[in-house]
mmCIF file of all heavy atoms, coordinates in Angstrom:
data_MODEL
# 
_entry.id   MODEL 
# 
loop_
_atom_site.group_PDB 
_atom_site.id 
_atom_site.type_symbol 
_atom_site.label_atom_id 
_atom_site.label_alt_id 
_atom_site.label_comp_id 
_atom_site.label_asym_id 
_atom_site.label_entity_id 
_atom_site.label_seq_id 
_atom_site.pdbx_PDB_ins_code 
_atom_site.Cartn_x 
_atom_site.Cartn_y 
_atom_site.Cartn_z 
_atom_site.occupancy 
_atom_site.B_iso_or_equiv 
_atom_site.pdbx_formal_charge 
_atom_site.auth_seq_id 
_atom_site.auth_comp_id 
_atom_site.auth_asym_id 
_atom_site.auth_atom_id 
_atom_site.pdbx_PDB_model_num 
ATOM 1   N N   . PHE A 1 1  ? 94.255 33.509 137.342 1.00 0.00 ? 1  PHE A N   1 
ATOM 2   C CA  . PHE A 1 1  ? 94.327 32.088 137.814 1.00 0.00 ? 1  PHE A CA  1 
ATOM 3   C C   . PHE A 1 1  ? 93.180 31.252 137.180 1.00 0.00 ? 1  PHE A C   1 
ATOM 4   O O   . PHE A 1 1  ? 93.227 30.031 137.346 1.00 0.00 ? 1  PHE A O   1 
ATOM 5   C CB  . PHE A 1 1  ? 94.169 32.004 139.342 1.00 0.00 ? 1  PHE A CB  1 
ATOM 6   C CG  . PHE A 1 1  ? 95.499 32.348 140.085 1.00 0.00 ? 1  PHE A CG  1 
ATOM 7   C CD1 . PHE A 1 1  ? 96.592 32.848 139.415 1.00 0.00 ? 1  PHE A CD1 1 
ATOM 8   C CD2 . PHE A 1 1  ? 95.600 32.131 141.430 1.00 0.00 ? 1  PHE A CD2 1 
ATOM 9   C CE1 . PHE A 1 1  ? 97.763 33.105 140.093 1.00 0.00 ? 1  PHE A CE1 1 
ATOM 10  C CE2 . PHE A 1 1  ? 96.813 32.347 142.076 1.00 0.00 ? 1  PHE A CE2 1 
ATOM 11  C CZ  . PHE A 1 1  ? 97.884 32.854 141.432 1.00 0.00 ? 1  PHE A CZ  1 
ATOM 12  N N   . GLY A 1 2  ? 92.260 31.857 136.464 1.00 0.00 ? 2  GLY A N   1 
ATOM 13  C CA  . GLY A 1 2  ? 91.189 31.104 135.854 1.00 0.00 ? 2  GLY A CA  1 
ATOM 14  C C   . GLY A 1 2  ? 91.507 30.766 134.406 1.00 0.00 ? 2  GLY A C   1 
ATOM 15  O O   . GLY A 1 2  ? 91.684 29.625 134.138 1.00 0.00 ? 2  GLY A O   1 
ATOM 16  N N   . ARG A 1 3  ? 91.462 31.733 133.513 1.00 0.00 ? 3  ARG A N   1 
ATOM 17  C CA  . ARG A 1 3  ? 91.812 31.542 132.080 1.00 0.00 ? 3  ARG A CA  1 
ATOM 18  C C   . ARG A 1 3  ? 92.937 32.321 131.653 1.00 0.00 ? 3  ARG A C   1 
ATOM 19  O O   . ARG A 1 3  ? 93.907 31.784 130.997 1.00 0.00 ? 3  ARG A O   1 
ATOM 20  C CB  . ARG A 1 3  ? 90.507 31.899 131.338 1.00 0.00 ? 3  ARG A CB  1 
ATOM 21  C CG  . ARG A 1 3  ? 89.336 30.959 131.519 1.00 0.00 ? 3  ARG A CG  1 
ATOM 22  C CD  . ARG A 1 3  ? 88.136 31.291 130.676 1.00 0.00 ? 3  ARG A CD  1 
ATOM 23  N NE  . ARG A 1 3  ? 87.575 32.659 130.995 1.00 0.00 ? 3  ARG A NE  1 
ATOM 24  C CZ  . ARG A 1 3  ? 86.621 33.249 130.346 1.00 0.00 ? 3  ARG A CZ  1 
ATOM 25  N NH1 . ARG A 1 3  ? 86.154 32.711 129.192 1.00 0.00 ? 3  ARG A NH1 1 
ATOM 26  N NH2 . ARG A 1 3  ? 86.125 34.418 130.689 1.00 0.00 ? 3  ARG A NH2 1 
ATOM 27  N N   . SER A 1 4  ? 93.012 33.633 131.968 1.00 0.00 ? 4  SER A N   1 
ATOM 28  C CA  . SER A 1 4  ? 94.041 34.523 131.748 1.00 0.00 ? 4  SER A CA  1 
ATOM 29  C C   . SER A 1 4  ? 93.738 35.851 132.358 1.00 0.00 ? 4  SER A C   1 
ATOM 30  O O   . SER A 1 4  ? 92.665 36.068 132.789 1.00 0.00 ? 4  SER A O   1 
ATOM 31  C CB  . SER A 1 4  ? 94.379 34.692 130.163 1.00 0.00 ? 4  SER A CB  1 
ATOM 32  O OG  . SER A 1 4  ? 93.314 35.481 129.596 1.00 0.00 ? 4  SER A OG  1 
ATOM 33  N N   . LEU A 1 5  ? 94.749 36.685 132.409 1.00 0.00 ? 5  LEU A N   1 
ATOM 34  C CA  . LEU A 1 5  ? 94.555 38.003 133.019 1.00 0.00 ? 5  LEU A CA  1 
ATOM 35  C C   . LEU A 1 5  ? 93.386 38.827 132.341 1.00 0.00 ? 5  LEU A C   1 
ATOM 36  O O   . LEU A 1 5  ? 92.536 39.356 133.010 1.00 0.00 ? 5  LEU A O   1 
ATOM 37  C CB  . LEU A 1 5  ? 95.850 38.881 133.010 1.00 0.00 ? 5  LEU A CB  1 
ATOM 38  C CG  . LEU A 1 5  ? 96.943 38.453 133.942 1.00 0.00 ? 5  LEU A CG  1 
ATOM 39  C CD1 . LEU A 1 5  ? 98.235 39.112 133.593 1.00 0.00 ? 5  LEU A CD1 1 
ATOM 40  C CD2 . LEU A 1 5  ? 96.585 38.829 135.414 1.00 0.00 ? 5  LEU A CD2 1 
ATOM 41  N N   . ASP A 1 6  ? 93.436 38.798 131.030 1.00 0.00 ? 6  ASP A N   1 
ATOM 42  C CA  . ASP A 1 6  ? 92.282 39.396 130.326 1.00 0.00 ? 6  ASP A CA  1 
ATOM 43  C C   . ASP A 1 6  ? 90.993 38.718 130.343 1.00 0.00 ? 6  ASP A C   1 
ATOM 44  O O   . ASP A 1 6  ? 89.920 39.313 130.604 1.00 0.00 ? 6  ASP A O   1 
ATOM 45  C CB  . ASP A 1 6  ? 92.715 39.703 128.825 1.00 0.00 ? 6  ASP A CB  1 
ATOM 46  C CG  . ASP A 1 6  ? 93.738 40.880 128.753 1.00 0.00 ? 6  ASP A CG  1 
ATOM 47  O OD1 . ASP A 1 6  ? 93.678 41.849 129.529 1.00 0.00 ? 6  ASP A OD1 1 
ATOM 48  O OD2 . ASP A 1 6  ? 94.607 40.864 127.878 1.00 0.00 ? 6  ASP A OD2 1 
ATOM 49  N N   . GLU A 1 7  ? 91.023 37.453 130.110 1.00 0.00 ? 7  GLU A N   1 
ATOM 50  C CA  . GLU A 1 7  ? 89.791 36.673 130.091 1.00 0.00 ? 7  GLU A CA  1 
ATOM 51  C C   . GLU A 1 7  ? 89.080 36.658 131.417 1.00 0.00 ? 7  GLU A C   1 
ATOM 52  O O   . GLU A 1 7  ? 87.845 36.640 131.542 1.00 0.00 ? 7  GLU A O   1 
ATOM 53  C CB  . GLU A 1 7  ? 90.042 35.282 129.605 1.00 0.00 ? 7  GLU A CB  1 
ATOM 54  C CG  . GLU A 1 7  ? 90.350 35.137 128.159 1.00 0.00 ? 7  GLU A CG  1 
ATOM 55  C CD  . GLU A 1 7  ? 90.752 33.695 127.752 1.00 0.00 ? 7  GLU A CD  1 
ATOM 56  O OE1 . GLU A 1 7  ? 91.770 33.296 128.149 1.00 0.00 ? 7  GLU A OE1 1 
ATOM 57  O OE2 . GLU A 1 7  ? 89.902 33.030 127.088 1.00 0.00 ? 7  GLU A OE2 1 
ATOM 58  N N   . ASP A 1 8  ? 89.838 36.653 132.526 1.00 0.00 ? 8  ASP A N   1 
ATOM 59  C CA  . ASP A 1 8  ? 89.281 36.700 133.877 1.00 0.00 ? 8  ASP A CA  1 
ATOM 60  C C   . ASP A 1 8  ? 88.550 37.947 134.164 1.00 0.00 ? 8  ASP A C   1 
ATOM 61  O O   . ASP A 1 8  ? 87.749 38.081 135.105 1.00 0.00 ? 8  ASP A O   1 
ATOM 62  C CB  . ASP A 1 8  ? 90.287 36.417 134.906 1.00 0.00 ? 8  ASP A CB  1 
ATOM 63  C CG  . ASP A 1 8  ? 90.723 34.871 134.918 1.00 0.00 ? 8  ASP A CG  1 
ATOM 64  O OD1 . ASP A 1 8  ? 90.084 34.074 134.235 1.00 0.00 ? 8  ASP A OD1 1 
ATOM 65  O OD2 . ASP A 1 8  ? 91.730 34.620 135.654 1.00 0.00 ? 8  ASP A OD2 1 
ATOM 66  N N   . ALA A 1 9  ? 88.847 39.032 133.392 1.00 0.00 ? 9  ALA A N   1 
ATOM 67  C CA  . ALA A 1 9  ? 88.225 40.298 133.601 1.00 0.00 ? 9  ALA A CA  1 
ATOM 68  C C   . ALA A 1 9  ? 87.037 40.490 132.709 1.00 0.00 ? 9  ALA A C   1 
ATOM 69  O O   . ALA A 1 9  ? 86.500 41.637 132.540 1.00 0.00 ? 9  ALA A O   1 
ATOM 70  C CB  . ALA A 1 9  ? 89.272 41.375 133.391 1.00 0.00 ? 9  ALA A CB  1 
ATOM 71  N N   . PHE A 1 10 ? 86.550 39.438 132.027 1.00 0.00 ? 10 PHE A N   1 
ATOM 72  C CA  . PHE A 1 10 ? 85.415 39.568 131.047 1.00 0.00 ? 10 PHE A CA  1 
ATOM 73  C C   . PHE A 1 10 ? 84.245 40.269 131.723 1.00 0.00 ? 10 PHE A C   1 
ATOM 74  O O   . PHE A 1 10 ? 83.650 41.204 131.075 1.00 0.00 ? 10 PHE A O   1 
ATOM 75  C CB  . PHE A 1 10 ? 85.036 38.193 130.587 1.00 0.00 ? 10 PHE A CB  1 
ATOM 76  C CG  . PHE A 1 10 ? 83.785 38.202 129.662 1.00 0.00 ? 10 PHE A CG  1 
ATOM 77  C CD1 . PHE A 1 10 ? 83.909 38.447 128.335 1.00 0.00 ? 10 PHE A CD1 1 
ATOM 78  C CD2 . PHE A 1 10 ? 82.448 38.082 130.206 1.00 0.00 ? 10 PHE A CD2 1 
ATOM 79  C CE1 . PHE A 1 10 ? 82.801 38.526 127.510 1.00 0.00 ? 10 PHE A CE1 1 
ATOM 80  C CE2 . PHE A 1 10 ? 81.411 38.162 129.404 1.00 0.00 ? 10 PHE A CE2 1 
ATOM 81  C CZ  . PHE A 1 10 ? 81.600 38.430 128.033 1.00 0.00 ? 10 PHE A CZ  1 
ATOM 82  N N   . ALA A 1 11 ? 83.839 39.794 132.907 1.00 0.00 ? 11 ALA A N   1 
ATOM 83  C CA  . ALA A 1 11 ? 82.650 40.430 133.513 1.00 0.00 ? 11 ALA A CA  1 
ATOM 84  C C   . ALA A 1 11 ? 82.797 41.914 133.782 1.00 0.00 ? 11 ALA A C   1 
ATOM 85  O O   . ALA A 1 11 ? 81.871 42.725 133.657 1.00 0.00 ? 11 ALA A O   1 
ATOM 86  C CB  . ALA A 1 11 ? 82.288 39.655 134.791 1.00 0.00 ? 11 ALA A CB  1 
ATOM 87  N N   . VAL A 1 12 ? 84.003 42.255 134.220 1.00 0.00 ? 12 VAL A N   1 
ATOM 88  C CA  . VAL A 1 12 ? 84.309 43.688 134.528 1.00 0.00 ? 12 VAL A CA  1 
ATOM 89  C C   . VAL A 1 12 ? 84.134 44.502 133.238 1.00 0.00 ? 12 VAL A C   1 
ATOM 90  O O   . VAL A 1 12 ? 83.340 45.518 133.316 1.00 0.00 ? 12 VAL A O   1 
ATOM 91  C CB  . VAL A 1 12 ? 85.744 43.855 135.059 1.00 0.00 ? 12 VAL A CB  1 
ATOM 92  C CG1 . VAL A 1 12 ? 86.100 45.323 135.235 1.00 0.00 ? 12 VAL A CG1 1 
ATOM 93  C CG2 . VAL A 1 12 ? 85.952 43.048 136.268 1.00 0.00 ? 12 VAL A CG2 1 
ATOM 94  N N   . ARG A 1 13 ? 84.670 44.036 132.131 1.00 0.00 ? 13 ARG A N   1 
ATOM 95  C CA  . ARG A 1 13 ? 84.649 44.860 130.915 1.00 0.00 ? 13 ARG A CA  1 
ATOM 96  C C   . ARG A 1 13 ? 83.297 44.760 130.285 1.00 0.00 ? 13 ARG A C   1 
ATOM 97  O O   . ARG A 1 13 ? 82.862 45.770 129.637 1.00 0.00 ? 13 ARG A O   1 
ATOM 98  C CB  . ARG A 1 13 ? 85.755 44.367 130.019 1.00 0.00 ? 13 ARG A CB  1 
ATOM 99  C CG  . ARG A 1 13 ? 87.108 44.536 130.669 1.00 0.00 ? 13 ARG A CG  1 
ATOM 100 C CD  . ARG A 1 13 ? 88.336 43.962 129.983 1.00 0.00 ? 13 ARG A CD  1 
ATOM 101 N NE  . ARG A 1 13 ? 89.513 43.971 130.799 1.00 0.00 ? 13 ARG A NE  1 
ATOM 102 C CZ  . ARG A 1 13 ? 90.672 43.643 130.495 1.00 0.00 ? 13 ARG A CZ  1 
ATOM 103 N NH1 . ARG A 1 13 ? 90.928 43.081 129.280 1.00 0.00 ? 13 ARG A NH1 1 
ATOM 104 N NH2 . ARG A 1 13 ? 91.713 43.704 131.292 1.00 0.00 ? 13 ARG A NH2 1 
ATOM 105 N N   . ALA A 1 14 ? 82.547 43.640 130.469 1.00 0.00 ? 14 ALA A N   1 
ATOM 106 C CA  . ALA A 1 14 ? 81.194 43.555 129.910 1.00 0.00 ? 14 ALA A CA  1 
ATOM 107 C C   . ALA A 1 14 ? 80.303 44.587 130.659 1.00 0.00 ? 14 ALA A C   1 
ATOM 108 O O   . ALA A 1 14 ? 79.314 45.179 130.042 1.00 0.00 ? 14 ALA A O   1 
ATOM 109 C CB  . ALA A 1 14 ? 80.659 42.169 130.047 1.00 0.00 ? 14 ALA A CB  1 
ATOM 110 N N   . MET A 1 15 ? 80.442 44.766 131.961 1.00 0.00 ? 15 MET A N   1 
ATOM 111 C CA  . MET A 1 15 ? 79.651 45.693 132.726 1.00 0.00 ? 15 MET A CA  1 
ATOM 112 C C   . MET A 1 15 ? 79.900 47.149 132.285 1.00 0.00 ? 15 MET A C   1 
ATOM 113 O O   . MET A 1 15 ? 79.034 48.016 132.260 1.00 0.00 ? 15 MET A O   1 
ATOM 114 C CB  . MET A 1 15 ? 79.911 45.587 134.155 1.00 0.00 ? 15 MET A CB  1 
ATOM 115 C CG  . MET A 1 15 ? 79.285 44.334 134.820 1.00 0.00 ? 15 MET A CG  1 
ATOM 116 S SD  . MET A 1 15 ? 79.332 44.282 136.605 1.00 0.00 ? 15 MET A SD  1 
ATOM 117 C CE  . MET A 1 15 ? 78.587 42.696 136.892 1.00 0.00 ? 15 MET A CE  1 
ATOM 118 N N   . VAL A 1 16 ? 81.207 47.440 131.980 1.00 0.00 ? 16 VAL A N   1 
ATOM 119 C CA  . VAL A 1 16 ? 81.565 48.733 131.442 1.00 0.00 ? 16 VAL A CA  1 
ATOM 120 C C   . VAL A 1 16 ? 80.829 48.952 130.163 1.00 0.00 ? 16 VAL A C   1 
ATOM 121 O O   . VAL A 1 16 ? 80.288 50.070 129.909 1.00 0.00 ? 16 VAL A O   1 
ATOM 122 C CB  . VAL A 1 16 ? 83.087 48.889 131.313 1.00 0.00 ? 16 VAL A CB  1 
ATOM 123 C CG1 . VAL A 1 16 ? 83.499 50.095 130.514 1.00 0.00 ? 16 VAL A CG1 1 
ATOM 124 C CG2 . VAL A 1 16 ? 83.824 48.864 132.644 1.00 0.00 ? 16 VAL A CG2 1 
ATOM 125 N N   . ASP A 1 17 ? 80.939 47.974 129.255 1.00 0.00 ? 17 ASP A N   1 
ATOM 126 C CA  . ASP A 1 17 ? 80.288 48.063 127.892 1.00 0.00 ? 17 ASP A CA  1 
ATOM 127 C C   . ASP A 1 17 ? 78.753 48.337 128.084 1.00 0.00 ? 17 ASP A C   1 
ATOM 128 O O   . ASP A 1 17 ? 78.200 48.969 127.245 1.00 0.00 ? 17 ASP A O   1 
ATOM 129 C CB  . ASP A 1 17 ? 80.566 46.818 127.085 1.00 0.00 ? 17 ASP A CB  1 
ATOM 130 C CG  . ASP A 1 17 ? 82.052 46.725 126.675 1.00 0.00 ? 17 ASP A CG  1 
ATOM 131 O OD1 . ASP A 1 17 ? 82.719 47.732 126.712 1.00 0.00 ? 17 ASP A OD1 1 
ATOM 132 O OD2 . ASP A 1 17 ? 82.455 45.606 126.320 1.00 0.00 ? 17 ASP A OD2 1 
ATOM 133 N N   . ALA A 1 18 ? 78.188 47.705 129.085 1.00 0.00 ? 18 ALA A N   1 
ATOM 134 C CA  . ALA A 1 18 ? 76.757 47.840 129.293 1.00 0.00 ? 18 ALA A CA  1 
ATOM 135 C C   . ALA A 1 18 ? 76.364 49.169 129.946 1.00 0.00 ? 18 ALA A C   1 
ATOM 136 O O   . ALA A 1 18 ? 75.163 49.473 129.987 1.00 0.00 ? 18 ALA A O   1 
ATOM 137 C CB  . ALA A 1 18 ? 76.220 46.729 130.116 1.00 0.00 ? 18 ALA A CB  1 
ATOM 138 N N   . GLY A 1 19 ? 77.327 49.934 130.371 1.00 0.00 ? 19 GLY A N   1 
ATOM 139 C CA  . GLY A 1 19 ? 76.988 51.235 130.973 1.00 0.00 ? 19 GLY A CA  1 
ATOM 140 C C   . GLY A 1 19 ? 76.639 51.187 132.415 1.00 0.00 ? 19 GLY A C   1 
ATOM 141 O O   . GLY A 1 19 ? 76.046 52.143 132.960 1.00 0.00 ? 19 GLY A O   1 
ATOM 142 N N   . LEU A 1 20 ? 76.978 50.108 133.136 1.00 0.00 ? 20 LEU A N   1 
ATOM 143 C CA  . LEU A 1 20 ? 76.655 50.007 134.580 1.00 0.00 ? 20 LEU A CA  1 
ATOM 144 C C   . LEU A 1 20 ? 77.535 50.881 135.462 1.00 0.00 ? 20 LEU A C   1 
ATOM 145 O O   . LEU A 1 20 ? 78.719 51.077 135.076 1.00 0.00 ? 20 LEU A O   1 
ATOM 146 C CB  . LEU A 1 20 ? 76.723 48.577 135.021 1.00 0.00 ? 20 LEU A CB  1 
ATOM 147 C CG  . LEU A 1 20 ? 75.540 47.627 134.973 1.00 0.00 ? 20 LEU A CG  1 
ATOM 148 C CD1 . LEU A 1 20 ? 75.180 47.391 133.478 1.00 0.00 ? 20 LEU A CD1 1 
ATOM 149 C CD2 . LEU A 1 20 ? 75.742 46.337 135.640 1.00 0.00 ? 20 LEU A CD2 1 
ATOM 150 N N   . THR A 1 21 ? 76.983 51.303 136.530 1.00 0.00 ? 21 THR A N   1 
ATOM 151 C CA  . THR A 1 21 ? 77.798 51.809 137.656 1.00 0.00 ? 21 THR A CA  1 
ATOM 152 C C   . THR A 1 21 ? 78.024 50.724 138.670 1.00 0.00 ? 21 THR A C   1 
ATOM 153 O O   . THR A 1 21 ? 77.043 50.005 139.045 1.00 0.00 ? 21 THR A O   1 
ATOM 154 C CB  . THR A 1 21 ? 77.050 52.992 138.348 1.00 0.00 ? 21 THR A CB  1 
ATOM 155 O OG1 . THR A 1 21 ? 76.874 54.051 137.486 1.00 0.00 ? 21 THR A OG1 1 
ATOM 156 C CG2 . THR A 1 21 ? 77.760 53.455 139.617 1.00 0.00 ? 21 THR A CG2 1 
ATOM 157 N N   . PHE A 1 22 ? 79.286 50.467 139.027 1.00 0.00 ? 22 PHE A N   1 
ATOM 158 C CA  . PHE A 1 22 ? 79.553 49.358 139.861 1.00 0.00 ? 22 PHE A CA  1 
ATOM 159 C C   . PHE A 1 22 ? 80.938 49.578 140.624 1.00 0.00 ? 22 PHE A C   1 
ATOM 160 O O   . PHE A 1 22 ? 81.676 50.484 140.244 1.00 0.00 ? 22 PHE A O   1 
ATOM 161 C CB  . PHE A 1 22 ? 79.619 48.020 139.176 1.00 0.00 ? 22 PHE A CB  1 
ATOM 162 C CG  . PHE A 1 22 ? 80.669 47.875 138.059 1.00 0.00 ? 22 PHE A CG  1 
ATOM 163 C CD1 . PHE A 1 22 ? 81.915 47.334 138.336 1.00 0.00 ? 22 PHE A CD1 1 
ATOM 164 C CD2 . PHE A 1 22 ? 80.432 48.379 136.782 1.00 0.00 ? 22 PHE A CD2 1 
ATOM 165 C CE1 . PHE A 1 22 ? 82.906 47.162 137.393 1.00 0.00 ? 22 PHE A CE1 1 
ATOM 166 C CE2 . PHE A 1 22 ? 81.432 48.255 135.774 1.00 0.00 ? 22 PHE A CE2 1 
ATOM 167 C CZ  . PHE A 1 22 ? 82.610 47.690 136.077 1.00 0.00 ? 22 PHE A CZ  1 
ATOM 168 N N   . LEU A 1 23 ? 81.141 48.755 141.629 1.00 0.00 ? 23 LEU A N   1 
ATOM 169 C CA  . LEU A 1 23 ? 82.381 48.734 142.426 1.00 0.00 ? 23 LEU A CA  1 
ATOM 170 C C   . LEU A 1 23 ? 83.181 47.566 142.067 1.00 0.00 ? 23 LEU A C   1 
ATOM 171 O O   . LEU A 1 23 ? 82.614 46.483 141.824 1.00 0.00 ? 23 LEU A O   1 
ATOM 172 C CB  . LEU A 1 23 ? 82.118 48.849 143.875 1.00 0.00 ? 23 LEU A CB  1 
ATOM 173 C CG  . LEU A 1 23 ? 81.577 50.198 144.444 1.00 0.00 ? 23 LEU A CG  1 
ATOM 174 C CD1 . LEU A 1 23 ? 80.101 50.271 144.164 1.00 0.00 ? 23 LEU A CD1 1 
ATOM 175 C CD2 . LEU A 1 23 ? 81.827 50.290 146.002 1.00 0.00 ? 23 LEU A CD2 1 
ATOM 176 N N   . LEU A 1 24 ? 84.510 47.659 142.106 1.00 0.00 ? 24 LEU A N   1 
ATOM 177 C CA  . LEU A 1 24 ? 85.405 46.562 141.908 1.00 0.00 ? 24 LEU A CA  1 
ATOM 178 C C   . LEU A 1 24 ? 86.592 46.553 142.848 1.00 0.00 ? 24 LEU A C   1 
ATOM 179 O O   . LEU A 1 24 ? 87.289 47.559 142.957 1.00 0.00 ? 24 LEU A O   1 
ATOM 180 C CB  . LEU A 1 24 ? 85.930 46.618 140.486 1.00 0.00 ? 24 LEU A CB  1 
ATOM 181 C CG  . LEU A 1 24 ? 87.105 45.665 140.103 1.00 0.00 ? 24 LEU A CG  1 
ATOM 182 C CD1 . LEU A 1 24 ? 86.666 44.220 140.163 1.00 0.00 ? 24 LEU A CD1 1 
ATOM 183 C CD2 . LEU A 1 24 ? 87.675 45.972 138.806 1.00 0.00 ? 24 LEU A CD2 1 
# 
C-alpha cells in the first residue's frame, strides 16, 4: 500500500542483508 509489494519490504530485506536477528 506504500510503494509496491517489494519496495515496502525494503527494511525487512536490508536487515537480512545486515545479518540482524529480528522478528516480523
